[in-house]
């Protein structure tokens, strides 16, 4: 893996970690059950994407 590719993967890891954390915190704060469920689904999606990027390393 080139330095440029590694830099891209590291950047993507940071973004996915941030999105996972934000969606997790938001789902806990929402009082609307439908929105909270949707945010939990987003958290799961970002967790999957994070794991995919980690598997590249």
N, C-alpha and C. Protein backbone atom coordinates (compact mmCIF):
# COMPACT_ATOMS: atom_id res chain seq x y z
N UNK A 1 0.84 -1.16 0.00
CA UNK A 1 0.00 0.00 0.00
C UNK A 1 0.90 1.24 0.00
N UNK A 2 0.61 2.16 -0.90
CA UNK A 2 1.42 3.37 -0.99
C UNK A 2 1.09 4.32 0.17
N UNK A 3 1.96 5.30 0.36
CA UNK A 3 1.74 6.28 1.43
C UNK A 3 0.45 7.05 1.19
N UNK A 4 0.15 7.35 -0.07
CA UNK A 4 -1.06 8.09 -0.39
C UNK A 4 -2.29 7.25 -0.06
N UNK A 5 -2.26 5.97 -0.40
CA UNK A 5 -3.39 5.08 -0.09
C UNK A 5 -3.56 4.92 1.42
N UNK A 6 -2.47 4.78 2.12
CA UNK A 6 -2.53 4.65 3.57
C UNK A 6 -3.10 5.92 4.21
N UNK A 7 -2.71 7.06 3.67
CA UNK A 7 -3.24 8.32 4.16
C UNK A 7 -4.76 8.39 3.95
N UNK A 8 -5.22 7.92 2.81
CA UNK A 8 -6.65 7.90 2.52
C UNK A 8 -7.38 7.00 3.51
N UNK A 9 -6.85 5.82 3.77
CA UNK A 9 -7.48 4.88 4.69
C UNK A 9 -7.52 5.46 6.10
N UNK A 10 -6.43 6.08 6.54
CA UNK A 10 -6.40 6.69 7.86
C UNK A 10 -7.43 7.81 7.97
N UNK A 11 -7.57 8.60 6.92
CA UNK A 11 -8.56 9.67 6.90
C UNK A 11 -9.98 9.09 6.96
N UNK A 12 -10.22 8.05 6.20
CA UNK A 12 -11.53 7.41 6.19
C UNK A 12 -11.85 6.80 7.56
N UNK A 13 -10.85 6.22 8.21
CA UNK A 13 -11.05 5.67 9.56
C UNK A 13 -11.48 6.77 10.53
N UNK A 14 -10.84 7.91 10.42
CA UNK A 14 -11.20 9.02 11.30
C UNK A 14 -12.62 9.50 11.06
N UNK A 15 -13.00 9.59 9.80
CA UNK A 15 -14.35 10.03 9.47
C UNK A 15 -15.40 9.04 9.95
N UNK A 16 -15.16 7.77 9.73
CA UNK A 16 -16.13 6.76 10.14
C UNK A 16 -16.23 6.66 11.66
N UNK A 17 -15.12 6.82 12.34
CA UNK A 17 -15.15 6.83 13.81
C UNK A 17 -15.98 8.01 14.31
N UNK A 18 -15.76 9.16 13.70
CA UNK A 18 -16.52 10.35 14.07
C UNK A 18 -18.01 10.16 13.82
N UNK A 19 -18.37 9.65 12.65
CA UNK A 19 -19.79 9.46 12.31
C UNK A 19 -20.43 8.41 13.22
N UNK A 20 -19.71 7.36 13.55
CA UNK A 20 -20.23 6.34 14.45
C UNK A 20 -20.51 6.94 15.83
N UNK A 21 -19.57 7.71 16.35
CA UNK A 21 -19.73 8.34 17.66
C UNK A 21 -20.89 9.32 17.66
N UNK A 22 -20.97 10.15 16.62
CA UNK A 22 -22.06 11.14 16.55
C UNK A 22 -23.42 10.46 16.49
N UNK A 23 -23.55 9.45 15.66
CA UNK A 23 -24.85 8.79 15.53
C UNK A 23 -25.20 8.03 16.81
N UNK A 24 -24.21 7.48 17.49
CA UNK A 24 -24.46 6.78 18.75
C UNK A 24 -24.95 7.75 19.82
N UNK A 25 -24.28 8.88 19.95
CA UNK A 25 -24.68 9.86 20.96
C UNK A 25 -26.05 10.45 20.64
N UNK A 26 -26.30 10.71 19.38
CA UNK A 26 -27.58 11.29 18.99
C UNK A 26 -28.73 10.33 19.24
N UNK A 27 -28.53 9.05 18.93
CA UNK A 27 -29.61 8.09 19.13
C UNK A 27 -29.99 7.97 20.60
N UNK A 28 -29.03 8.17 21.50
CA UNK A 28 -29.30 8.11 22.93
C UNK A 28 -30.05 9.34 23.43
N UNK A 29 -29.89 10.46 22.74
CA UNK A 29 -30.51 11.71 23.18
C UNK A 29 -31.90 11.93 22.62
N UNK A 30 -32.23 11.26 21.53
CA UNK A 30 -33.53 11.49 20.89
C UNK A 30 -34.67 10.87 21.69
N UNK A 31 -35.78 11.58 21.72
CA UNK A 31 -36.96 11.05 22.41
C UNK A 31 -37.94 10.40 21.43
N UNK A 32 -37.84 10.75 20.16
CA UNK A 32 -38.70 10.13 19.14
C UNK A 32 -38.15 8.74 18.83
N UNK A 33 -38.94 7.68 19.08
CA UNK A 33 -38.42 6.32 18.88
C UNK A 33 -38.04 6.02 17.43
N UNK A 34 -38.77 6.59 16.48
CA UNK A 34 -38.44 6.34 15.07
C UNK A 34 -37.09 6.95 14.69
N UNK A 35 -36.86 8.18 15.14
CA UNK A 35 -35.58 8.83 14.86
C UNK A 35 -34.44 8.13 15.58
N UNK A 36 -34.68 7.71 16.81
CA UNK A 36 -33.65 7.01 17.57
C UNK A 36 -33.28 5.70 16.90
N UNK A 37 -34.27 5.00 16.37
CA UNK A 37 -34.02 3.75 15.65
C UNK A 37 -33.21 4.01 14.39
N UNK A 38 -33.59 5.06 13.67
CA UNK A 38 -32.87 5.41 12.45
C UNK A 38 -31.41 5.74 12.76
N UNK A 39 -31.16 6.51 13.81
CA UNK A 39 -29.79 6.84 14.17
C UNK A 39 -29.01 5.61 14.61
N UNK A 40 -29.67 4.69 15.28
CA UNK A 40 -29.01 3.43 15.66
C UNK A 40 -28.63 2.63 14.41
N UNK A 41 -29.48 2.68 13.39
CA UNK A 41 -29.16 2.00 12.13
C UNK A 41 -27.96 2.66 11.45
N UNK A 42 -27.91 3.98 11.51
CA UNK A 42 -26.76 4.70 10.95
C UNK A 42 -25.49 4.33 11.71
N UNK A 43 -25.60 4.21 13.02
CA UNK A 43 -24.44 3.81 13.82
C UNK A 43 -23.94 2.44 13.37
N UNK A 44 -24.86 1.52 13.15
CA UNK A 44 -24.49 0.17 12.71
C UNK A 44 -23.81 0.22 11.34
N UNK A 45 -24.33 1.04 10.44
CA UNK A 45 -23.76 1.17 9.10
C UNK A 45 -22.33 1.71 9.18
N UNK A 46 -22.12 2.73 10.01
CA UNK A 46 -20.78 3.30 10.13
C UNK A 46 -19.83 2.35 10.84
N UNK A 47 -20.35 1.53 11.73
CA UNK A 47 -19.52 0.50 12.37
C UNK A 47 -19.05 -0.50 11.32
N UNK A 48 -19.96 -0.91 10.43
CA UNK A 48 -19.60 -1.84 9.36
C UNK A 48 -18.55 -1.24 8.44
N UNK A 49 -18.74 0.02 8.06
CA UNK A 49 -17.77 0.69 7.18
C UNK A 49 -16.41 0.82 7.88
N UNK A 50 -16.43 1.15 9.16
CA UNK A 50 -15.18 1.25 9.92
C UNK A 50 -14.44 -0.09 9.92
N UNK A 51 -15.18 -1.17 10.14
CA UNK A 51 -14.56 -2.50 10.15
C UNK A 51 -13.99 -2.86 8.78
N UNK A 52 -14.67 -2.46 7.72
CA UNK A 52 -14.17 -2.73 6.37
C UNK A 52 -12.84 -2.01 6.13
N UNK A 53 -12.77 -0.76 6.57
CA UNK A 53 -11.53 -0.02 6.42
C UNK A 53 -10.42 -0.62 7.27
N UNK A 54 -10.75 -1.05 8.48
CA UNK A 54 -9.74 -1.67 9.34
C UNK A 54 -9.22 -2.97 8.73
N UNK A 55 -10.06 -3.68 8.02
CA UNK A 55 -9.63 -4.92 7.38
C UNK A 55 -8.66 -4.68 6.23
N UNK A 56 -8.63 -3.45 5.71
CA UNK A 56 -7.65 -3.12 4.66
C UNK A 56 -6.23 -3.05 5.21
N UNK A 57 -6.13 -2.81 6.50
CA UNK A 57 -4.79 -2.65 7.11
C UNK A 57 -4.23 -3.96 7.49
